[in-house]
Amino acid sequence: MKVPPGLVRVAGVPLARLLARSWRYQLEGEGLELARSRARRKVAFVVWHEALLPLMWLHRNEQVAIVVSEARDGQYLADFAEAAGYGLIRGSSTRGGARALLAAVRALESGSTIAMTPDGPRGPRREMKPGILAAAARSGAQLIPVHAEADRAWRLNSWDRFMIPRPFARVRVVYGAPFTVADGADAAAMDRIQSDMALVARKAAWPGQAETLTG
């Protein structure tokens, strides 16, 4: 049975918040200190689309702005993000990309923290797009690669295999080493962020997950 989109929007946020309150987090990684003490510093979290839900809950009400797709499916995440205290930057690589990039740069230059999903809004899964690197180069922001995995979770049958941790799941969050982009979205910067994202994903995986969640 197909659930009407309107029902998802009305019931989805309260249900997600109720579920999220049961999760238990384990935080680690070289970028954890900056992630915790980033007030008035230019910081951009780099997150794969599949891990958005537990990360949005973890960093709720921390004055973070998140880039959200203008497509209909992006509205569900936007609803949850707003309920969790996030600012919204609308746009993506496929719709409103230039406007979103400019808004992200302005937010970073004002000292705000932003979060971007460089494989969103429609993939390919875990494939980097250059927008986050361009925003970091123009603003001088520090990038923090971050990934989350739950020891037990549902995964949607979607392009990103979107993860929803089950009730009382343990969620491991790994923050990679922060770095800046001096020369824009060049090949070296792209290789660095792609490699770092793969590294935090491997470190966040629970036993037995590393093989099943790659690719």
C-alpha atoms as a PDB file:
ATOM      1  CA  MET A   1       0.000   0.000   0.000  1.00  0.00           C
ATOM      2  CA  LYS A   2       1.354   3.397  -0.953  1.00  0.00           C
ATOM      3  CA  VAL A   3       1.278   5.909   1.909  1.00  0.00           C
ATOM      4  CA  PRO A   4      -0.044   9.340   0.843  1.00  0.00           C
ATOM      5  CA  PRO A   5       2.726  11.978   0.903  1.00  0.00           C
ATOM      6  CA  GLY A   6       0.580  14.278   3.032  1.00  0.00           C
ATOM      7  CA  LEU A   7       0.308  11.625   5.724  1.00  0.00           C
ATOM      8  CA  VAL A   8       4.078  11.130   5.700  1.00  0.00           C
ATOM      9  CA  ARG A   9       4.605  14.830   6.259  1.00  0.00           C
ATOM     10  CA  VAL A  10       2.037  15.064   9.078  1.00  0.00           C
ATOM     11  CA  ALA A  11       2.985  11.878  10.945  1.00  0.00           C
ATOM     12  CA  GLY A  12       6.607  11.442   9.878  1.00  0.00           C
ATOM     13  CA  VAL A  13       8.238  14.176  11.970  1.00  0.00           C
ATOM     14  CA  PRO A  14       6.630  13.232  15.335  1.00  0.00           C
ATOM     15  CA  LEU A  15       7.349   9.541  14.738  1.00  0.00           C
ATOM     16  CA  ALA A  16      10.947  10.239  13.736  1.00  0.00           C
ATOM     17  CA  ARG A  17      11.506  12.391  16.827  1.00  0.00           C
ATOM     18  CA  LEU A  18      10.027   9.703  19.086  1.00  0.00           C
ATOM     19  CA  LEU A  19      12.273   7.075  17.502  1.00  0.00           C
ATOM     20  CA  ALA A  20      15.371   9.282  17.625  1.00  0.00           C
ATOM     21  CA  ARG A  21      15.062   9.841  21.383  1.00  0.00           C
ATOM     22  CA  SER A  22      15.873   6.154  21.896  1.00  0.00           C
ATOM     23  CA  TRP A  23      19.152   6.144  19.970  1.00  0.00           C
ATOM     24  CA  ARG A  24      22.474   5.894  21.820  1.00  0.00           C
ATOM     25  CA  TYR A  25      25.410   7.694  20.246  1.00  0.00           C
ATOM     26  CA  GLN A  26      29.115   6.883  20.225  1.00  0.00           C
ATOM     27  CA  LEU A  27      31.249   9.774  18.916  1.00  0.00           C
ATOM     28  CA  GLU A  28      34.881   9.589  17.793  1.00  0.00           C
ATOM     29  CA  GLY A  29      37.403  10.855  15.271  1.00  0.00           C
ATOM     30  CA  GLU A  30      39.963  13.593  14.662  1.00  0.00           C
ATOM     31  CA  GLY A  31      37.327  16.193  13.828  1.00  0.00           C
ATOM     32  CA  LEU A  32      35.216  15.661  16.942  1.00  0.00           C
ATOM     33  CA  GLU A  33      36.770  18.535  18.915  1.00  0.00           C
ATOM     34  CA  LEU A  34      36.065  21.055  16.158  1.00  0.00           C
ATOM     35  CA  ALA A  35      32.571  19.651  15.682  1.00  0.00           C
ATOM     36  CA  ARG A  36      31.890  20.365  19.358  1.00  0.00           C
ATOM     37  CA  SER A  37      33.528  23.819  19.580  1.00  0.00           C
ATOM     38  CA  ARG A  38      32.870  25.545  16.273  1.00  0.00           C
ATOM     39  CA  ALA A  39      31.183  28.735  17.501  1.00  0.00           C
ATOM     40  CA  ARG A  40      31.737  31.587  15.012  1.00  0.00           C
ATOM     41  CA  ARG A  41      34.091  29.407  12.972  1.00  0.00           C
ATOM     42  CA  LYS A  42      33.534  28.547   9.321  1.00  0.00           C
ATOM     43  CA  VAL A  43      32.726  24.844   9.357  1.00  0.00           C
ATOM     44  CA  ALA A  44      30.987  22.626   6.815  1.00  0.00           C
ATOM     45  CA  PHE A  45      29.971  19.063   7.586  1.00  0.00           C
ATOM     46  CA  VAL A  46      30.227  16.732   4.580  1.00  0.00           C
ATOM     47  CA  VAL A  47      27.660  13.936   4.915  1.00  0.00           C
ATOM     48  CA  TRP A  48      26.485  11.130   2.644  1.00  0.00           C
ATOM     49  CA  HIS A  49      22.751  11.415   2.042  1.00  0.00           C
ATOM     50  CA  GLU A  50      22.000   8.012   3.572  1.00  0.00           C
ATOM     51  CA  ALA A  51      23.248   9.070   7.037  1.00  0.00           C
ATOM     52  CA  LEU A  52      21.303  12.327   7.330  1.00  0.00           C
ATOM     53  CA  LEU A  53      18.616  11.260   9.807  1.00  0.00           C
ATOM     54  CA  PRO A  54      20.742  10.274  12.839  1.00  0.00           C
ATOM     55  CA  LEU A  55      23.162  13.148  12.198  1.00  0.00           C
ATOM     56  CA  MET A  56      20.384  15.723  12.000  1.00  0.00           C
ATOM     57  CA  TRP A  57      19.053  14.503  15.338  1.00  0.00           C
ATOM     58  CA  LEU A  58      22.509  14.535  16.955  1.00  0.00           C
ATOM     59  CA  HIS A  59      23.224  18.153  15.929  1.00  0.00           C
ATOM     60  CA  ARG A  60      19.703  19.497  16.431  1.00  0.00           C
ATOM     61  CA  ASN A  61      19.270  23.035  17.762  1.00  0.00           C
ATOM     62  CA  GLU A  62      22.952  23.865  17.140  1.00  0.00           C
ATOM     63  CA  GLN A  63      22.375  26.691  14.637  1.00  0.00           C
ATOM     64  CA  VAL A  64      23.366  24.564  11.652  1.00  0.00           C
ATOM     65  CA  ALA A  65      22.042  25.297   8.172  1.00  0.00           C
ATOM     66  CA  ILE A  66      21.477  22.338   5.864  1.00  0.00           C
ATOM     67  CA  VAL A  67      21.277  22.273   2.081  1.00  0.00           C
ATOM     68  CA  VAL A  68      18.017  20.533   1.133  1.00  0.00           C
ATOM     69  CA  SER A  69      16.735  19.576  -2.298  1.00  0.00           C
ATOM     70  CA  GLU A  70      13.833  21.509  -3.808  1.00  0.00           C
ATOM     71  CA  ALA A  71      12.357  18.234  -5.058  1.00  0.00           C
ATOM     72  CA  ARG A  72       9.283  16.793  -3.324  1.00  0.00           C
ATOM     73  CA  ASP A  73      11.216  14.024  -1.567  1.00  0.00           C
ATOM     74  CA  GLY A  74      13.528  16.671  -0.135  1.00  0.00           C
ATOM     75  CA  GLN A  75      10.540  18.269   1.585  1.00  0.00           C
ATOM     76  CA  TYR A  76      10.224  15.376   4.015  1.00  0.00           C
ATOM     77  CA  LEU A  77      13.787  15.915   5.213  1.00  0.00           C
ATOM     78  CA  ALA A  78      13.192  19.665   5.263  1.00  0.00           C
ATOM     79  CA  ASP A  79      10.229  19.189   7.589  1.00  0.00           C
ATOM     80  CA  PHE A  80      12.296  17.114   9.999  1.00  0.00           C
ATOM     81  CA  ALA A  81      15.231  19.525   9.773  1.00  0.00           C
ATOM     82  CA  GLU A  82      13.066  22.543  10.612  1.00  0.00           C
ATOM     83  CA  ALA A  83      11.484  20.692  13.527  1.00  0.00           C
ATOM     84  CA  ALA A  84      14.994  19.902  14.796  1.00  0.00           C
ATOM     85  CA  GLY A  85      16.063  23.547  14.694  1.00  0.00           C
ATOM     86  CA  TYR A  86      17.990  23.699  11.401  1.00  0.00           C
ATOM     87  CA  GLY A  87      18.112  26.563   8.979  1.00  0.00           C
ATOM     88  CA  LEU A  88      17.338  25.570   5.391  1.00  0.00           C
ATOM     89  CA  ILE A  89      19.303  26.348   2.242  1.00  0.00           C
ATOM     90  CA  ARG A  90      17.145  25.223  -0.672  1.00  0.00           C
ATOM     91  CA  GLY A  91      18.666  23.823  -3.832  1.00  0.00           C
ATOM     92  CA  SER A  92      20.865  21.012  -5.119  1.00  0.00           C
ATOM     93  CA  SER A  93      23.156  20.054  -7.955  1.00  0.00           C
ATOM     94  CA  THR A  94      20.120  19.483 -10.175  1.00  0.00           C
ATOM     95  CA  ARG A  95      17.755  22.270  -9.080  1.00  0.00           C
ATOM     96  CA  GLY A  96      18.701  25.686  -7.752  1.00  0.00           C
ATOM     97  CA  GLY A  97      22.363  24.716  -7.507  1.00  0.00           C
ATOM     98  CA  ALA A  98      23.904  28.149  -8.118  1.00  0.00           C
ATOM     99  CA  ARG A  99      21.524  29.803  -5.655  1.00  0.00           C
ATOM    100  CA  ALA A 100      22.213  27.149  -3.021  1.00  0.00           C
ATOM    101  CA  LEU A 101      25.980  27.512  -3.470  1.00  0.00           C
ATOM    102  CA  LEU A 102      25.804  31.290  -3.031  1.00  0.00           C
ATOM    103  CA  ALA A 103      23.616  30.929   0.071  1.00  0.00           C
ATOM    104  CA  ALA A 104      25.996  28.338   1.516  1.00  0.00           C
ATOM    105  CA  VAL A 105      29.004  30.617   0.964  1.00  0.00           C
ATOM    106  CA  ARG A 106      27.205  33.538   2.616  1.00  0.00           C
ATOM    107  CA  ALA A 107      26.250  31.386   5.590  1.00  0.00           C
ATOM    108  CA  LEU A 108      29.833  30.211   6.024  1.00  0.00           C
ATOM    109  CA  GLU A 109      31.250  33.721   5.688  1.00  0.00           C
ATOM    110  CA  SER A 110      28.901  34.876   8.460  1.00  0.00           C
ATOM    111  CA  GLY A 111      30.353  32.224  10.774  1.00  0.00           C
ATOM    112  CA  SER A 112      27.515  29.723  10.463  1.00  0.00           C
ATOM    113  CA  THR A 113      27.959  25.966  10.274  1.00  0.00           C
ATOM    114  CA  ILE A 114      26.449  24.235   7.266  1.00  0.00           C
ATOM    115  CA  ALA A 115      25.883  20.599   6.301  1.00  0.00           C
ATOM    116  CA  MET A 116      25.897  19.373   2.720  1.00  0.00           C
ATOM    117  CA  THR A 117      25.240  15.998   1.108  1.00  0.00           C
ATOM    118  CA  PRO A 118      27.526  15.910  -1.947  1.00  0.00           C
ATOM    119  CA  ASP A 119      25.869  12.801  -3.405  1.00  0.00           C
ATOM    120  CA  GLY A 120      22.335  14.226  -3.149  1.00  0.00           C
ATOM    121  CA  PRO A 121      19.619  14.641  -4.067  1.00  0.00           C
ATOM    122  CA  ARG A 122      19.453  11.649  -6.409  1.00  0.00           C
ATOM    123  CA  GLY A 123      22.908  10.112  -6.482  1.00  0.00           C
ATOM    124  CA  PRO A 124      24.795   8.197  -7.548  1.00  0.00           C
ATOM    125  CA  ARG A 125      25.239   6.919  -4.007  1.00  0.00           C
ATOM    126  CA  ARG A 126      28.476   8.036  -2.303  1.00  0.00           C
ATOM    127  CA  GLU A 127      29.705   9.823  -5.411  1.00  0.00           C
ATOM    128  CA  MET A 128      31.147  13.255  -4.695  1.00  0.00           C
ATOM    129  CA  LYS A 129      29.937  16.381  -6.505  1.00  0.00           C
ATOM    130  CA  PRO A 130      32.107  19.529  -6.406  1.00  0.00           C
ATOM    131  CA  GLY A 131      29.659  22.017  -4.853  1.00  0.00           C
ATOM    132  CA  ILE A 132      30.885  21.547  -1.283  1.00  0.00           C
ATOM    133  CA  LEU A 133      34.499  22.093  -2.386  1.00  0.00           C
ATOM    134  CA  ALA A 134      33.593  25.278  -4.234  1.00  0.00           C
ATOM    135  CA  ALA A 135      31.767  26.607  -1.157  1.00  0.00           C
ATOM    136  CA  ALA A 136      34.731  25.796   1.082  1.00  0.00           C
ATOM    137  CA  ALA A 137      37.247  27.397  -1.293  1.00  0.00           C
ATOM    138  CA  ARG A 138      35.259  30.623  -1.646  1.00  0.00           C
ATOM    139  CA  SER A 139      34.569  30.991   2.066  1.00  0.00           C
ATOM    140  CA  GLY A 140      37.758  29.581   3.583  1.00  0.00           C
ATOM    141  CA  ALA A 141      35.711  27.107   5.629  1.00  0.00           C
ATOM    142  CA  GLN A 142      37.036  23.954   7.197  1.00  0.00           C
ATOM    143  CA  LEU A 143      35.448  20.746   5.926  1.00  0.00           C
ATOM    144  CA  ILE A 144      34.687  17.925   8.364  1.00  0.00           C
ATOM    145  CA  PRO A 145      33.909  14.571   6.750  1.00  0.00           C
ATOM    146  CA  VAL A 146      31.394  12.730   8.933  1.00  0.00           C
ATOM    147  CA  HIS A 147      29.498   9.475   8.746  1.00  0.00           C
ATOM    148  CA  ALA A 148      27.108   7.541  10.971  1.00  0.00           C
ATOM    149  CA  GLU A 149      26.149   3.878  11.108  1.00  0.00           C
ATOM    150  CA  ALA A 150      23.695   2.096  13.388  1.00  0.00           C
ATOM    151  CA  ASP A 151      24.245  -1.388  14.744  1.00  0.00           C
ATOM    152  CA  ARG A 152      20.695  -2.179  13.604  1.00  0.00           C
ATOM    153  CA  ALA A 153      18.664  -0.164  11.140  1.00  0.00           C
ATOM    154  CA  TRP A 154      16.072  -0.183   8.411  1.00  0.00           C
ATOM    155  CA  ARG A 155      17.293   0.768   4.942  1.00  0.00           C
ATOM    156  CA  LEU A 156      14.932   2.155   2.374  1.00  0.00           C
ATOM    157  CA  ASN A 157      14.799   0.741  -1.131  1.00  0.00           C
ATOM    158  CA  SER A 158      16.046   4.038  -2.540  1.00  0.00           C
ATOM    159  CA  TRP A 159      19.070   5.197  -4.524  1.00  0.00           C
ATOM    160  CA  ASP A 160      20.973   6.040  -1.328  1.00  0.00           C
ATOM    161  CA  ARG A 161      19.788   3.109   0.833  1.00  0.00           C
ATOM    162  CA  PHE A 162      18.618   5.725   3.345  1.00  0.00           C
ATOM    163  CA  MET A 163      19.245   4.565   6.907  1.00  0.00           C
ATOM    164  CA  ILE A 164      16.706   4.698   9.735  1.00  0.00           C
ATOM    165  CA  PRO A 165      18.204   3.356  12.978  1.00  0.00           C
ATOM    166  CA  ARG A 166      15.861   0.987  14.799  1.00  0.00           C
ATOM    167  CA  PRO A 167      14.573   1.695  18.330  1.00  0.00           C
ATOM    168  CA  PHE A 168      17.380   1.805  20.907  1.00  0.00           C
ATOM    169  CA  ALA A 169      20.037   1.348  18.216  1.00  0.00           C
ATOM    170  CA  ARG A 170      23.636   2.261  18.917  1.00  0.00           C
ATOM    171  CA  VAL A 171      24.813   4.864  16.428  1.00  0.00           C
ATOM    172  CA  ARG A 172      28.522   5.298  15.819  1.00  0.00           C
ATOM    173  CA  VAL A 173      29.494   8.716  14.417  1.00  0.00           C
ATOM    174  CA  VAL A 174      33.002   9.291  13.086  1.00  0.00           C
ATOM    175  CA  TYR A 175      34.379  12.778  12.324  1.00  0.00           C
ATOM    176  CA  GLY A 176      37.325  12.898   9.935  1.00  0.00           C
ATOM    177  CA  ALA A 177      40.268  15.264  10.092  1.00  0.00           C
ATOM    178  CA  PRO A 178      39.223  18.853   9.195  1.00  0.00           C
ATOM    179  CA  PHE A 179      40.863  20.462   6.170  1.00  0.00           C
ATOM    180  CA  THR A 180      40.555  23.529   3.981  1.00  0.00           C
ATOM    181  CA  VAL A 181      40.418  23.834   0.196  1.00  0.00           C
ATOM    182  CA  ALA A 182      42.891  26.370  -1.146  1.00  0.00           C
ATOM    183  CA  ASP A 183      42.493  25.889  -4.884  1.00  0.00           C
ATOM    184  CA  GLY A 184      38.799  25.214  -5.355  1.00  0.00           C
ATOM    185  CA  ALA A 185      37.356  21.953  -6.576  1.00  0.00           C
ATOM    186  CA  ASP A 186      40.526  20.641  -8.206  1.00  0.00           C
ATOM    187  CA  ALA A 187      41.395  16.969  -8.652  1.00  0.00           C
ATOM    188  CA  ALA A 188      43.569  16.782  -5.528  1.00  0.00           C
ATOM    189  CA  ALA A 189      40.841  18.236  -3.295  1.00  0.00           C
ATOM    190  CA  MET A 190      38.257  15.934  -4.837  1.00  0.00           C
ATOM    191  CA  ASP A 191      40.462  12.900  -4.243  1.00  0.00           C
ATOM    192  CA  ARG A 192      41.092  14.002  -0.649  1.00  0.00           C
ATOM    193  CA  ILE A 193      37.454  14.427   0.329  1.00  0.00           C
ATOM    194  CA  GLN A 194      36.354  11.246  -1.461  1.00  0.00           C
ATOM    195  CA  SER A 195      39.095   9.281   0.302  1.00  0.00           C
ATOM    196  CA  ASP A 196      38.291  10.823   3.691  1.00  0.00           C
ATOM    197  CA  MET A 197      34.588  10.073   3.301  1.00  0.00           C
ATOM    198  CA  ALA A 198      35.385   6.455   2.498  1.00  0.00           C
ATOM    199  CA  LEU A 199      37.625   6.298   5.573  1.00  0.00           C
ATOM    200  CA  VAL A 200      35.027   7.627   8.035  1.00  0.00           C
ATOM    201  CA  ALA A 201      32.439   5.272   6.534  1.00  0.00           C
ATOM    202  CA  ARG A 202      34.717   2.297   7.168  1.00  0.00           C
ATOM    203  CA  LYS A 203      35.462   3.434  10.712  1.00  0.00           C
ATOM    204  CA  ALA A 204      31.788   3.970  11.502  1.00  0.00           C
ATOM    205  CA  ALA A 205      30.759   0.500  10.305  1.00  0.00           C
ATOM    206  CA  TRP A 206      29.827  -2.097  12.907  1.00  0.00           C
ATOM    207  CA  PRO A 207      31.268  -5.637  12.673  1.00  0.00           C
ATOM    208  CA  GLY A 208      30.014  -7.313   9.521  1.00  0.00           C
ATOM    209  CA  GLN A 209      28.805  -4.076   7.926  1.00  0.00           C
ATOM    210  CA  ALA A 210      31.923  -2.997   6.027  1.00  0.00           C
ATOM    211  CA  GLU A 211      31.365  -5.481   3.213  1.00  0.00           C
ATOM    212  CA  THR A 212      27.597  -5.075   2.897  1.00  0.00           C
ATOM    213  CA  LEU A 213      27.475  -1.255   2.867  1.00  0.00           C
ATOM    214  CA  THR A 214      30.162  -0.484   0.311  1.00  0.00           C
ATOM    215  CA  GLY A 215      29.512   0.219  -3.336  1.00  0.00           C
END
